[in-house]
């Protein structure tokens, strides 16, 4: 019976030495408030970064498409002019060279974008 009474006495001493709950609760509430502020700040920063990256990617892709369209239009105009001015044999050589150049330009543009 004696060890049981000693245990009860130790528990009572430990309970009486505890700090007031209100002080700890205030610290916990302030810590949670700061944690919520940090989480909100991190979410806002991530959203802003994602939006900026998406806008940059869209702008770059639009510029690439415009450049490719301009190059294709210029090549077509040059081919038509060459066809009108030169003989058939020379035209075939020039068309093949221009097609190779256009394909090379498009490959370089795609590689740069990716």
PDB file of N, CA and C in Angstrom:
ATOM      1  N   UNK A   1       0.822  -1.190   0.000  1.00  0.00           N
ATOM      2  CA  UNK A   1       0.000   0.000   0.000  1.00  0.00           C
ATOM      3  C   UNK A   1       0.863   1.250   0.000  1.00  0.00           C
ATOM      4  N   UNK A   2       2.041   1.178   0.569  1.00  0.00           N
ATOM      5  CA  UNK A   2       2.922   2.338   0.673  1.00  0.00           C
ATOM      6  C   UNK A   2       3.365   2.858  -0.690  1.00  0.00           C
ATOM      7  N   UNK A   3       3.789   2.008  -1.648  1.00  0.00           N
ATOM      8  CA  UNK A   3       4.217   2.542  -2.953  1.00  0.00           C
ATOM      9  C   UNK A   3       3.068   3.254  -3.676  1.00  0.00           C
ATOM     10  N   UNK A   4       1.850   2.771  -3.481  1.00  0.00           N
ATOM     11  CA  UNK A   4       0.710   3.410  -4.132  1.00  0.00           C
ATOM     12  C   UNK A   4       0.489   4.813  -3.569  1.00  0.00           C
ATOM     13  N   UNK A   5       0.622   4.996  -2.269  1.00  0.00           N
ATOM     14  CA  UNK A   5       0.463   6.324  -1.673  1.00  0.00           C
ATOM     15  C   UNK A   5       1.581   7.269  -2.125  1.00  0.00           C
ATOM     16  N   UNK A   6       2.800   6.748  -2.260  1.00  0.00           N
ATOM     17  CA  UNK A   6       3.914   7.570  -2.751  1.00  0.00           C
ATOM     18  C   UNK A   6       3.656   8.019  -4.196  1.00  0.00           C
ATOM     19  N   UNK A   7       3.120   7.132  -5.006  1.00  0.00           N
ATOM     20  CA  UNK A   7       2.818   7.470  -6.392  1.00  0.00           C
ATOM     21  C   UNK A   7       1.756   8.553  -6.448  1.00  0.00           C
ATOM     22  N   UNK A   8       0.720   8.416  -5.621  1.00  0.00           N
ATOM     23  CA  UNK A   8      -0.333   9.425  -5.605  1.00  0.00           C
ATOM     24  C   UNK A   8       0.224  10.769  -5.162  1.00  0.00           C
ATOM     25  N   UNK A   9       1.113  10.759  -4.190  1.00  0.00           N
ATOM     26  CA  UNK A   9       1.728  11.996  -3.712  1.00  0.00           C
ATOM     27  C   UNK A   9       2.576  12.644  -4.808  1.00  0.00           C
ATOM     28  N   UNK A  10       3.327  11.846  -5.546  1.00  0.00           N
ATOM     29  CA  UNK A  10       4.140  12.377  -6.648  1.00  0.00           C
ATOM     30  C   UNK A  10       3.258  13.009  -7.729  1.00  0.00           C
ATOM     31  N   UNK A  11       2.162  12.349  -8.055  1.00  0.00           N
ATOM     32  CA  UNK A  11       1.241  12.891  -9.074  1.00  0.00           C
ATOM     33  C   UNK A  11       0.669  14.207  -8.589  1.00  0.00           C
ATOM     34  N   UNK A  12       0.282  14.301  -7.345  1.00  0.00           N
ATOM     35  CA  UNK A  12      -0.280  15.547  -6.818  1.00  0.00           C
ATOM     36  C   UNK A  12       0.760  16.669  -6.846  1.00  0.00           C
ATOM     37  N   UNK A  13       2.019  16.349  -6.532  1.00  0.00           N
ATOM     38  CA  UNK A  13       3.073  17.359  -6.580  1.00  0.00           C
ATOM     39  C   UNK A  13       3.307  17.846  -8.008  1.00  0.00           C
ATOM     40  N   UNK A  14       3.261  16.913  -8.950  1.00  0.00           N
ATOM     41  CA  UNK A  14       3.461  17.300 -10.338  1.00  0.00           C
ATOM     42  C   UNK A  14       2.316  18.182 -10.836  1.00  0.00           C
ATOM     43  N   UNK A  15       1.111  17.861 -10.466  1.00  0.00           N
ATOM     44  CA  UNK A  15      -0.048  18.648 -10.884  1.00  0.00           C
ATOM     45  C   UNK A  15       0.034  20.054 -10.290  1.00  0.00           C
ATOM     46  N   UNK A  16       0.436  20.151  -9.027  1.00  0.00           N
ATOM     47  CA  UNK A  16       0.482  21.470  -8.388  1.00  0.00           C
ATOM     48  C   UNK A  16       1.604  22.346  -8.956  1.00  0.00           C
ATOM     49  N   UNK A  17       2.613  21.734  -9.580  1.00  0.00           N
ATOM     50  CA  UNK A  17       3.725  22.535 -10.102  1.00  0.00           C
ATOM     51  C   UNK A  17       3.512  22.974 -11.555  1.00  0.00           C
ATOM     52  N   UNK A  18       2.390  22.632 -12.164  1.00  0.00           N
ATOM     53  CA  UNK A  18       2.135  23.032 -13.558  1.00  0.00           C
ATOM     54  C   UNK A  18       1.906  24.528 -13.657  1.00  0.00           C
ATOM     55  N   UNK A  19       2.280  25.098 -14.776  1.00  0.00           N
ATOM     56  CA  UNK A  19       2.080  26.521 -15.025  1.00  0.00           C
ATOM     57  C   UNK A  19       0.617  26.774 -15.380  1.00  0.00           C
ATOM     58  N   UNK A  20       0.190  28.001 -15.281  1.00  0.00           N
ATOM     59  CA  UNK A  20      -1.179  28.318 -15.691  1.00  0.00           C
ATOM     60  C   UNK A  20      -1.373  28.045 -17.186  1.00  0.00           C
ATOM     61  N   UNK A  21      -2.527  27.546 -17.533  1.00  0.00           N
ATOM     62  CA  UNK A  21      -2.815  27.133 -18.901  1.00  0.00           C
ATOM     63  C   UNK A  21      -2.951  28.346 -19.814  1.00  0.00           C
ATOM     64  N   UNK A  22      -3.454  29.444 -19.315  1.00  0.00           N
ATOM     65  CA  UNK A  22      -3.741  30.596 -20.179  1.00  0.00           C
ATOM     66  C   UNK A  22      -2.475  31.133 -20.848  1.00  0.00           C
ATOM     67  N   UNK A  23      -1.363  31.156 -20.125  1.00  0.00           N
ATOM     68  CA  UNK A  23      -0.122  31.662 -20.707  1.00  0.00           C
ATOM     69  C   UNK A  23       0.321  30.769 -21.870  1.00  0.00           C
ATOM     70  N   UNK A  24       0.319  29.461 -21.662  1.00  0.00           N
ATOM     71  CA  UNK A  24       0.695  28.522 -22.722  1.00  0.00           C
ATOM     72  C   UNK A  24      -0.275  28.602 -23.889  1.00  0.00           C
ATOM     73  N   UNK A  25      -1.552  28.745 -23.598  1.00  0.00           N
ATOM     74  CA  UNK A  25      -2.549  28.816 -24.664  1.00  0.00           C
ATOM     75  C   UNK A  25      -2.335  30.062 -25.527  1.00  0.00           C
ATOM     76  N   UNK A  26      -1.988  31.184 -24.892  1.00  0.00           N
ATOM     77  CA  UNK A  26      -1.711  32.398 -25.674  1.00  0.00           C
ATOM     78  C   UNK A  26      -0.512  32.212 -26.592  1.00  0.00           C
ATOM     79  N   UNK A  27       0.528  31.580 -26.083  1.00  0.00           N
ATOM     80  CA  UNK A  27       1.704  31.314 -26.921  1.00  0.00           C
ATOM     81  C   UNK A  27       1.344  30.414 -28.096  1.00  0.00           C
ATOM     82  N   UNK A  28       0.557  29.398 -27.832  1.00  0.00           N
ATOM     83  CA  UNK A  28       0.151  28.474 -28.899  1.00  0.00           C
ATOM     84  C   UNK A  28      -0.683  29.207 -29.935  1.00  0.00           C
ATOM     85  N   UNK A  29      -1.618  30.047 -29.496  1.00  0.00           N
ATOM     86  CA  UNK A  29      -2.467  30.795 -30.438  1.00  0.00           C
ATOM     87  C   UNK A  29      -1.625  31.737 -31.287  1.00  0.00           C
ATOM     88  N   UNK A  30      -0.672  32.430 -30.667  1.00  0.00           N
ATOM     89  CA  UNK A  30       0.183  33.335 -31.450  1.00  0.00           C
ATOM     90  C   UNK A  30       1.045  32.552 -32.437  1.00  0.00           C
ATOM     91  N   UNK A  31       1.553  31.411 -32.024  1.00  0.00           N
ATOM     92  CA  UNK A  31       2.359  30.595 -32.927  1.00  0.00           C
ATOM     93  C   UNK A  31       1.522  30.107 -34.107  1.00  0.00           C
ATOM     94  N   UNK A  32       0.288  29.697 -33.827  1.00  0.00           N
ATOM     95  CA  UNK A  32      -0.595  29.249 -34.909  1.00  0.00           C
ATOM     96  C   UNK A  32      -0.931  30.396 -35.853  1.00  0.00           C
ATOM     97  N   UNK A  33      -1.157  31.587 -35.309  1.00  0.00           N
ATOM     98  CA  UNK A  33      -1.424  32.747 -36.162  1.00  0.00           C
ATOM     99  C   UNK A  33      -0.238  33.027 -37.090  1.00  0.00           C
ATOM    100  N   UNK A  34       0.960  32.984 -36.541  1.00  0.00           N
ATOM    101  CA  UNK A  34       2.154  33.215 -37.368  1.00  0.00           C
ATOM    102  C   UNK A  34       2.324  32.110 -38.403  1.00  0.00           C
ATOM    103  N   UNK A  35       2.037  30.889 -38.002  1.00  0.00           N
ATOM    104  CA  UNK A  35       2.142  29.775 -38.957  1.00  0.00           C
ATOM    105  C   UNK A  35       1.148  29.955 -40.098  1.00  0.00           C
ATOM    106  N   UNK A  36      -0.072  30.391 -39.782  1.00  0.00           N
ATOM    107  CA  UNK A  36      -1.063  30.630 -40.837  1.00  0.00           C
ATOM    108  C   UNK A  36      -0.600  31.748 -41.760  1.00  0.00           C
ATOM    109  N   UNK A  37      -0.003  32.807 -41.195  1.00  0.00           N
ATOM    110  CA  UNK A  37       0.490  33.897 -42.028  1.00  0.00           C
ATOM    111  C   UNK A  37       1.593  33.419 -42.961  1.00  0.00           C
ATOM    112  N   UNK A  38       2.478  32.585 -42.455  1.00  0.00           N
ATOM    113  CA  UNK A  38       3.569  32.061 -43.287  1.00  0.00           C
ATOM    114  C   UNK A  38       3.013  31.179 -44.396  1.00  0.00           C
ATOM    115  N   UNK A  39       2.056  30.337 -44.063  1.00  0.00           N
ATOM    116  CA  UNK A  39       1.463  29.461 -45.075  1.00  0.00           C
ATOM    117  C   UNK A  39       0.776  30.287 -46.151  1.00  0.00           C
ATOM    118  N   UNK A  40       0.036  31.302 -45.761  1.00  0.00           N
ATOM    119  CA  UNK A  40      -0.651  32.161 -46.734  1.00  0.00           C
ATOM    120  C   UNK A  40       0.380  32.872 -47.611  1.00  0.00           C
ATOM    121  N   UNK A  41       1.452  33.361 -47.021  1.00  0.00           N
ATOM    122  CA  UNK A  41       2.497  34.041 -47.784  1.00  0.00           C
ATOM    123  C   UNK A  41       3.150  33.096 -48.788  1.00  0.00           C
ATOM    124  N   UNK A  42       3.436  31.875 -48.373  1.00  0.00           N
ATOM    125  CA  UNK A  42       4.043  30.893 -49.275  1.00  0.00           C
ATOM    126  C   UNK A  42       3.096  30.570 -50.429  1.00  0.00           C
ATOM    127  N   UNK A  43       1.809  30.405 -50.138  1.00  0.00           N
ATOM    128  CA  UNK A  43       0.836  30.108 -51.190  1.00  0.00           C
ATOM    129  C   UNK A  43       0.759  31.267 -52.182  1.00  0.00           C
ATOM    130  N   UNK A  44       0.735  32.490 -51.693  1.00  0.00           N
ATOM    131  CA  UNK A  44       0.671  33.663 -52.579  1.00  0.00           C
ATOM    132  C   UNK A  44       1.917  33.725 -53.463  1.00  0.00           C
ATOM    133  N   UNK A  45       3.086  33.496 -52.888  1.00  0.00           N
ATOM    134  CA  UNK A  45       4.331  33.536 -53.670  1.00  0.00           C
ATOM    135  C   UNK A  45       4.328  32.446 -54.737  1.00  0.00           C
ATOM    136  N   UNK A  46       3.900  31.249 -54.394  1.00  0.00           N
ATOM    137  CA  UNK A  46       3.852  30.150 -55.363  1.00  0.00           C
ATOM    138  C   UNK A  46       2.883  30.475 -56.498  1.00  0.00           C
ATOM    139  N   UNK A  47       1.716  31.014 -56.169  1.00  0.00           N
ATOM    140  CA  UNK A  47       0.739  31.364 -57.206  1.00  0.00           C
ATOM    141  C   UNK A  47       1.297  32.434 -58.127  1.00  0.00           C
ATOM    142  N   UNK A  48       1.945  33.445 -57.575  1.00  0.00           N
ATOM    143  CA  UNK A  48       2.519  34.516 -58.404  1.00  0.00           C
ATOM    144  C   UNK A  48       3.609  33.956 -59.321  1.00  0.00           C
ATOM    145  N   UNK A  49       4.466  33.105 -58.801  1.00  0.00           N
ATOM    146  CA  UNK A  49       5.537  32.515 -59.617  1.00  0.00           C
ATOM    147  C   UNK A  49       4.949  31.674 -60.746  1.00  0.00           C
ATOM    148  N   UNK A  50       3.936  30.878 -60.441  1.00  0.00           N
ATOM    149  CA  UNK A  50       3.309  30.039 -61.470  1.00  0.00           C
ATOM    150  C   UNK A  50       2.674  30.910 -62.554  1.00  0.00           C
ATOM    151  N   UNK A  51       1.977  31.967 -62.165  1.00  0.00           N
ATOM    152  CA  UNK A  51       1.338  32.858 -63.145  1.00  0.00           C
ATOM    153  C   UNK A  51       2.398  33.520 -64.026  1.00  0.00           C
ATOM    154  N   UNK A  52       3.487  33.988 -63.437  1.00  0.00           N
ATOM    155  CA  UNK A  52       4.546  34.628 -64.219  1.00  0.00           C
ATOM    156  C   UNK A  52       5.165  33.636 -65.198  1.00  0.00           C
ATOM    157  N   UNK A  53       5.429  32.423 -64.758  1.00  0.00           N
ATOM    158  CA  UNK A  53       6.016  31.409 -65.641  1.00  0.00           C
ATOM    159  C   UNK A  53       5.066  31.096 -66.791  1.00  0.00           C
ATOM    160  N   UNK A  54       3.783  30.940 -66.506  1.00  0.00           N
ATOM    161  CA  UNK A  54       2.804  30.637 -67.565  1.00  0.00           C
ATOM    162  C   UNK A  54       2.747  31.785 -68.571  1.00  0.00           C
ATOM    163  N   UNK A  55       2.726  33.018 -68.091  1.00  0.00           N
ATOM    164  CA  UNK A  55       2.674  34.171 -69.003  1.00  0.00           C
ATOM    165  C   UNK A  55       3.928  34.215 -69.872  1.00  0.00           C
ATOM    166  N   UNK A  56       5.091  33.988 -69.292  1.00  0.00           N
ATOM    167  CA  UNK A  56       6.341  34.003 -70.067  1.00  0.00           C
ATOM    168  C   UNK A  56       6.333  32.902 -71.117  1.00  0.00           C
ATOM    169  N   UNK A  57       5.891  31.712 -70.751  1.00  0.00           N
ATOM    170  CA  UNK A  57       5.844  30.599 -71.710  1.00  0.00           C
ATOM    171  C   UNK A  57       4.888  30.919 -72.854  1.00  0.00           C
ATOM    172  N   UNK A  58       3.718  31.474 -72.540  1.00  0.00           N
ATOM    173  CA  UNK A  58       2.750  31.809 -73.586  1.00  0.00           C
ATOM    174  C   UNK A  58       3.322  32.879 -74.511  1.00  0.00           C
ATOM    175  N   UNK A  59       3.943  33.899 -73.958  1.00  0.00           N
ATOM    176  CA  UNK A  59       4.530  34.961 -74.790  1.00  0.00           C
ATOM    177  C   UNK A  59       5.624  34.399 -75.684  1.00  0.00           C
ATOM    178  N   UNK A  60       6.485  33.564 -75.139  1.00  0.00           N
ATOM    179  CA  UNK A  60       7.566  32.969 -75.939  1.00  0.00           C
ATOM    180  C   UNK A  60       6.988  32.114 -77.060  1.00  0.00           C
ATOM    181  N   UNK A  61       5.965  31.337 -76.768  1.00  0.00           N
ATOM    182  CA  UNK A  61       5.368  30.497 -77.805  1.00  0.00           C
ATOM    183  C   UNK A  61       4.700  31.342 -78.885  1.00  0.00           C
ATOM    184  N   UNK A  62       4.050  32.431 -78.514  1.00  0.00           N
ATOM    185  CA  UNK A  62       3.434  33.315 -79.508  1.00  0.00           C
ATOM    186  C   UNK A  62       4.514  33.922 -80.398  1.00  0.00           C
ATOM    187  N   UNK A  63       5.610  34.369 -79.803  1.00  0.00           N
ATOM    188  CA  UNK A  63       6.711  34.941 -80.591  1.00  0.00           C
ATOM    189  C   UNK A  63       7.284  33.897 -81.545  1.00  0.00           C
ATOM    190  N   UNK A  64       7.452  32.678 -81.074  1.00  0.00           N
ATOM    191  CA  UNK A  64       7.988  31.611 -81.925  1.00  0.00           C
ATOM    192  C   UNK A  64       7.044  31.345 -83.089  1.00  0.00           C
ATOM    193  N   UNK A  65       5.752  31.289 -82.826  1.00  0.00           N
ATOM    194  CA  UNK A  65       4.782  31.043 -83.896  1.00  0.00           C
ATOM    195  C   UNK A  65       4.824  32.173 -84.914  1.00  0.00           C
ATOM    196  N   UNK A  66       4.891  33.407 -84.452  1.00  0.00           N
ATOM    197  CA  UNK A  66       4.953  34.552 -85.367  1.00  0.00           C
ATOM    198  C   UNK A  66       6.222  34.480 -86.218  1.00  0.00           C
ATOM    199  N   UNK A  67       7.355  34.162 -85.618  1.00  0.00           N
ATOM    200  CA  UNK A  67       8.610  34.058 -86.372  1.00  0.00           C
ATOM    201  C   UNK A  67       8.519  32.956 -87.418  1.00  0.00           C
ATOM    202  N   UNK A  68       7.976  31.817 -87.057  1.00  0.00           N
ATOM    203  CA  UNK A  68       7.852  30.710 -88.010  1.00  0.00           C
ATOM    204  C   UNK A  68       6.922  31.098 -89.152  1.00  0.00           C
ATOM    205  N   UNK A  69       5.804  31.750 -88.857  1.00  0.00           N
ATOM    206  CA  UNK A  69       4.872  32.170 -89.905  1.00  0.00           C
ATOM    207  C   UNK A  69       5.546  33.165 -90.841  1.00  0.00           C
ATOM    208  N   UNK A  70       6.275  34.125 -90.290  1.00  0.00           N
ATOM    209  CA  UNK A  70       6.968  35.109 -91.130  1.00  0.00           C
ATOM    210  C   UNK A  70       7.999  34.424 -92.022  1.00  0.00           C
ATOM    211  N   UNK A  71       8.767  33.509 -91.472  1.00  0.00           N
ATOM    212  CA  UNK A  71       9.775  32.793 -92.264  1.00  0.00           C
ATOM    213  C   UNK A  71       9.108  32.002 -93.388  1.00  0.00           C
ATOM    214  N   UNK A  72       8.025  31.314 -93.093  1.00  0.00           N
ATOM    215  CA  UNK A  72       7.332  30.525 -94.124  1.00  0.00           C
ATOM    216  C   UNK A  72       6.787  31.445 -95.209  1.00  0.00           C
ATOM    217  N   UNK A  73       6.201  32.579 -94.835  1.00  0.00           N
ATOM    218  CA  UNK A  73       5.661  33.510 -95.834  1.00  0.00           C
ATOM    219  C   UNK A  73       6.784  34.048 -96.718  1.00  0.00           C
ATOM    220  N   UNK A  74       7.903  34.426 -96.120  1.00  0.00           N
ATOM    221  CA  UNK A  74       9.033  34.930 -96.906  1.00  0.00           C
ATOM    222  C   UNK A  74       9.537  33.859 -97.861  1.00  0.00           C
ATOM    223  N   UNK A  75       9.660  32.646 -97.389  1.00  0.00           N
ATOM    224  CA  UNK A  75      10.139  31.562 -98.254  1.00  0.00           C
ATOM    225  C   UNK A  75       9.163  31.324 -99.408  1.00  0.00           C
ATOM    226  N   UNK A  76       7.876  31.329 -99.135  1.00  0.00           N
ATOM    227  CA  UNK A  76       6.892  31.120-100.190  1.00  0.00           C
ATOM    228  C   UNK A  76       6.973  32.242-101.218  1.00  0.00           C
ATOM    229  N   UNK A  77       7.088  33.471-100.767  1.00  0.00           N
ATOM    230  CA  UNK A  77       7.197  34.600-101.696  1.00  0.00           C
ATOM    231  C   UNK A  77       8.458  34.466-102.549  1.00  0.00           C
ATOM    232  N   UNK A  78       9.565  34.128-101.932  1.00  0.00           N
ATOM    233  CA  UNK A  78      10.812  33.961-102.679  1.00  0.00           C
ATOM    234  C   UNK A  78      10.682  32.833-103.692  1.00  0.00           C
ATOM    235  N   UNK A  79      10.072  31.741-103.311  1.00  0.00           N
ATOM    236  CA  UNK A  79       9.888  30.617-104.234  1.00  0.00           C
ATOM    237  C   UNK A  79       9.021  31.038-105.413  1.00  0.00           C
ATOM    238  N   UNK A  80       7.947  31.743-105.162  1.00  0.00           N
ATOM    239  CA  UNK A  80       7.069  32.180-106.250  1.00  0.00           C
ATOM    240  C   UNK A  80       7.814  33.117-107.190  1.00  0.00           C
ATOM    241  N   UNK A  81       8.570  34.051-106.645  1.00  0.00           N
ATOM    242  CA  UNK A  81       9.340  34.982-107.480  1.00  0.00           C
ATOM    243  C   UNK A  81      10.377  34.229-108.295  1.00  0.00           C
ATOM    244  N   UNK A  82      11.056  33.297-107.665  1.00  0.00           N
ATOM    245  CA  UNK A  82      12.078  32.519-108.376  1.00  0.00           C
ATOM    246  C   UNK A  82      11.441  31.690-109.478  1.00  0.00           C
ATOM    247  N   UNK A  83      10.306  31.088-109.194  1.00  0.00           N
ATOM    248  CA  UNK A  83       9.622  30.287-110.214  1.00  0.00           C
ATOM    249  C   UNK A  83       9.238  31.166-111.413  1.00  0.00           C
ATOM    250  N   UNK A  84       8.811  32.356-111.139  1.00  0.00           N
ATOM    251  CA  UNK A  84       8.420  33.250-112.232  1.00  0.00           C
ATOM    252  C   UNK A  84       9.623  33.740-113.038  1.00  0.00           C
ATOM    253  N   UNK A  85      10.787  33.828-112.413  1.00  0.00           N
ATOM    254  CA  UNK A  85      11.942  34.423-113.091  1.00  0.00           C
ATOM    255  C   UNK A  85      12.893  33.416-113.737  1.00  0.00           C
ATOM    256  N   UNK A  86      12.976  32.223-113.229  1.00  0.00           N
ATOM    257  CA  UNK A  86      14.019  31.300-113.683  1.00  0.00           C
ATOM    258  C   UNK A  86      13.441  30.084-114.408  1.00  0.00           C
ATOM    259  N   UNK A  87      14.324  29.293-114.930  1.00  0.00           N
ATOM    260  CA  UNK A  87      13.902  28.070-115.621  1.00  0.00           C
ATOM    261  C   UNK A  87      13.570  26.997-114.604  1.00  0.00           C
ATOM    262  N   UNK A  88      13.025  25.928-115.079  1.00  0.00           N
ATOM    263  CA  UNK A  88      12.544  24.846-114.205  1.00  0.00           C
ATOM    264  C   UNK A  88      13.694  24.166-113.470  1.00  0.00           C
ATOM    265  N   UNK A  89      14.817  23.910-114.110  1.00  0.00           N
ATOM    266  CA  UNK A  89      15.923  23.192-113.468  1.00  0.00           C
ATOM    267  C   UNK A  89      16.523  24.002-112.313  1.00  0.00           C
ATOM    268  N   UNK A  90      16.721  25.265-112.531  1.00  0.00           N
ATOM    269  CA  UNK A  90      17.278  26.121-111.483  1.00  0.00           C
ATOM    270  C   UNK A  90      16.281  26.267-110.336  1.00  0.00           C
ATOM    271  N   UNK A  91      14.998  26.341-110.698  1.00  0.00           N
ATOM    272  CA  UNK A  91      13.954  26.478-109.682  1.00  0.00           C
ATOM    273  C   UNK A  91      13.942  25.265-108.757  1.00  0.00           C
ATOM    274  N   UNK A  92      14.090  24.087-109.301  1.00  0.00           N
ATOM    275  CA  UNK A  92      14.076  22.881-108.464  1.00  0.00           C
ATOM    276  C   UNK A  92      15.214  22.896-107.449  1.00  0.00           C
ATOM    277  N   UNK A  93      16.388  23.302-107.862  1.00  0.00           N
ATOM    278  CA  UNK A  93      17.528  23.370-106.953  1.00  0.00           C
ATOM    279  C   UNK A  93      17.264  24.398-105.855  1.00  0.00           C
ATOM    280  N   UNK A  94      16.752  25.570-106.243  1.00  0.00           N
ATOM    281  CA  UNK A  94      16.491  26.627-105.265  1.00  0.00           C
ATOM    282  C   UNK A  94      15.392  26.211-104.290  1.00  0.00           C
ATOM    283  N   UNK A  95      14.338  25.557-104.791  1.00  0.00           N
ATOM    284  CA  UNK A  95      13.243  25.104-103.919  1.00  0.00           C
ATOM    285  C   UNK A  95      13.762  24.097-102.898  1.00  0.00           C
ATOM    286  N   UNK A  96      14.582  23.166-103.337  1.00  0.00           N
ATOM    287  CA  UNK A  96      15.134  22.164-102.411  1.00  0.00           C
ATOM    288  C   UNK A  96      15.984  22.851-101.342  1.00  0.00           C
ATOM    289  N   UNK A  97      16.815  23.801-101.750  1.00  0.00           N
ATOM    290  CA  UNK A  97      17.662  24.512-100.782  1.00  0.00           C
ATOM    291  C   UNK A  97      16.803  25.294 -99.797  1.00  0.00           C
ATOM    292  N   UNK A  98      15.774  25.958-100.280  1.00  0.00           N
ATOM    293  CA  UNK A  98      14.908  26.740 -99.388  1.00  0.00           C
ATOM    294  C   UNK A  98      14.126  25.843 -98.434  1.00  0.00           C
ATOM    295  N   UNK A  99      13.660  24.721 -98.899  1.00  0.00           N
ATOM    296  CA  UNK A  99      12.948  23.789 -98.011  1.00  0.00           C
ATOM    297  C   UNK A  99      13.883  23.300 -96.907  1.00  0.00           C
ATOM    298  N   UNK A 100      15.111  22.991 -97.267  1.00  0.00           N
ATOM    299  CA  UNK A 100      16.082  22.549 -96.255  1.00  0.00           C
ATOM    300  C   UNK A 100      16.341  23.658 -95.251  1.00  0.00           C
ATOM    301  N   UNK A 101      16.467  24.896 -95.730  1.00  0.00           N
ATOM    302  CA  UNK A 101      16.708  26.032 -94.833  1.00  0.00           C
ATOM    303  C   UNK A 101      15.526  26.240 -93.896  1.00  0.00           C
ATOM    304  N   UNK A 102      14.300  26.169 -94.419  1.00  0.00           N
ATOM    305  CA  UNK A 102      13.105  26.363 -93.586  1.00  0.00           C
ATOM    306  C   UNK A 102      13.012  25.269 -92.530  1.00  0.00           C
ATOM    307  N   UNK A 103      13.240  24.041 -92.917  1.00  0.00           N
ATOM    308  CA  UNK A 103      13.181  22.941 -91.946  1.00  0.00           C
ATOM    309  C   UNK A 103      14.253  23.124 -90.878  1.00  0.00           C
ATOM    310  N   UNK A 104      15.437  23.549 -91.270  1.00  0.00           N
ATOM    311  CA  UNK A 104      16.504  23.768 -90.292  1.00  0.00           C
ATOM    312  C   UNK A 104      16.134  24.883 -89.321  1.00  0.00           C
ATOM    313  N   UNK A 105      15.559  25.969 -89.836  1.00  0.00           N
ATOM    314  CA  UNK A 105      15.149  27.085 -88.968  1.00  0.00           C
ATOM    315  C   UNK A 105      14.076  26.624 -87.991  1.00  0.00           C
ATOM    316  N   UNK A 106      13.106  25.876 -88.470  1.00  0.00           N
ATOM    317  CA  UNK A 106      12.030  25.405 -87.584  1.00  0.00           C
ATOM    318  C   UNK A 106      12.563  24.448 -86.521  1.00  0.00           C
ATOM    319  N   UNK A 107      13.503  23.592 -86.884  1.00  0.00           N
ATOM    320  CA  UNK A 107      14.096  22.677 -85.902  1.00  0.00           C
ATOM    321  C   UNK A 107      14.841  23.470 -84.836  1.00  0.00           C
ATOM    322  N   UNK A 108      15.597  24.483 -85.251  1.00  0.00           N
ATOM    323  CA  UNK A 108      16.328  25.305 -84.279  1.00  0.00           C
ATOM    324  C   UNK A 108      15.356  26.022 -83.358  1.00  0.00           C
ATOM    325  N   UNK A 109      14.267  26.556 -83.904  1.00  0.00           N
ATOM    326  CA  UNK A 109      13.275  27.260 -83.080  1.00  0.00           C
ATOM    327  C   UNK A 109      12.643  26.303 -82.086  1.00  0.00           C
ATOM    328  N   UNK A 110      12.284  25.117 -82.515  1.00  0.00           N
ATOM    329  CA  UNK A 110      11.661  24.139 -81.608  1.00  0.00           C
ATOM    330  C   UNK A 110      12.641  23.726 -80.518  1.00  0.00           C
ATOM    331  N   UNK A 111      13.894  23.520 -80.876  1.00  0.00           N
ATOM    332  CA  UNK A 111      14.897  23.129 -79.873  1.00  0.00           C
ATOM    333  C   UNK A 111      15.103  24.251 -78.860  1.00  0.00           C
ATOM    334  N   UNK A 112      15.120  25.493 -79.338  1.00  0.00           N
ATOM    335  CA  UNK A 112      15.308  26.620 -78.423  1.00  0.00           C
ATOM    336  C   UNK A 112      14.130  26.739 -77.478  1.00  0.00           C
ATOM    337  N   UNK A 113      12.911  26.535 -77.978  1.00  0.00           N
ATOM    338  CA  UNK A 113      11.719  26.644 -77.119  1.00  0.00           C
ATOM    339  C   UNK A 113      11.697  25.538 -76.089  1.00  0.00           C
ATOM    340  N   UNK A 114      12.026  24.336 -76.509  1.00  0.00           N
ATOM    341  CA  UNK A 114      11.977  23.209 -75.569  1.00  0.00           C
ATOM    342  C   UNK A 114      13.122  23.345 -74.618  1.00  0.00           C
TER     343      UNK A 114
END
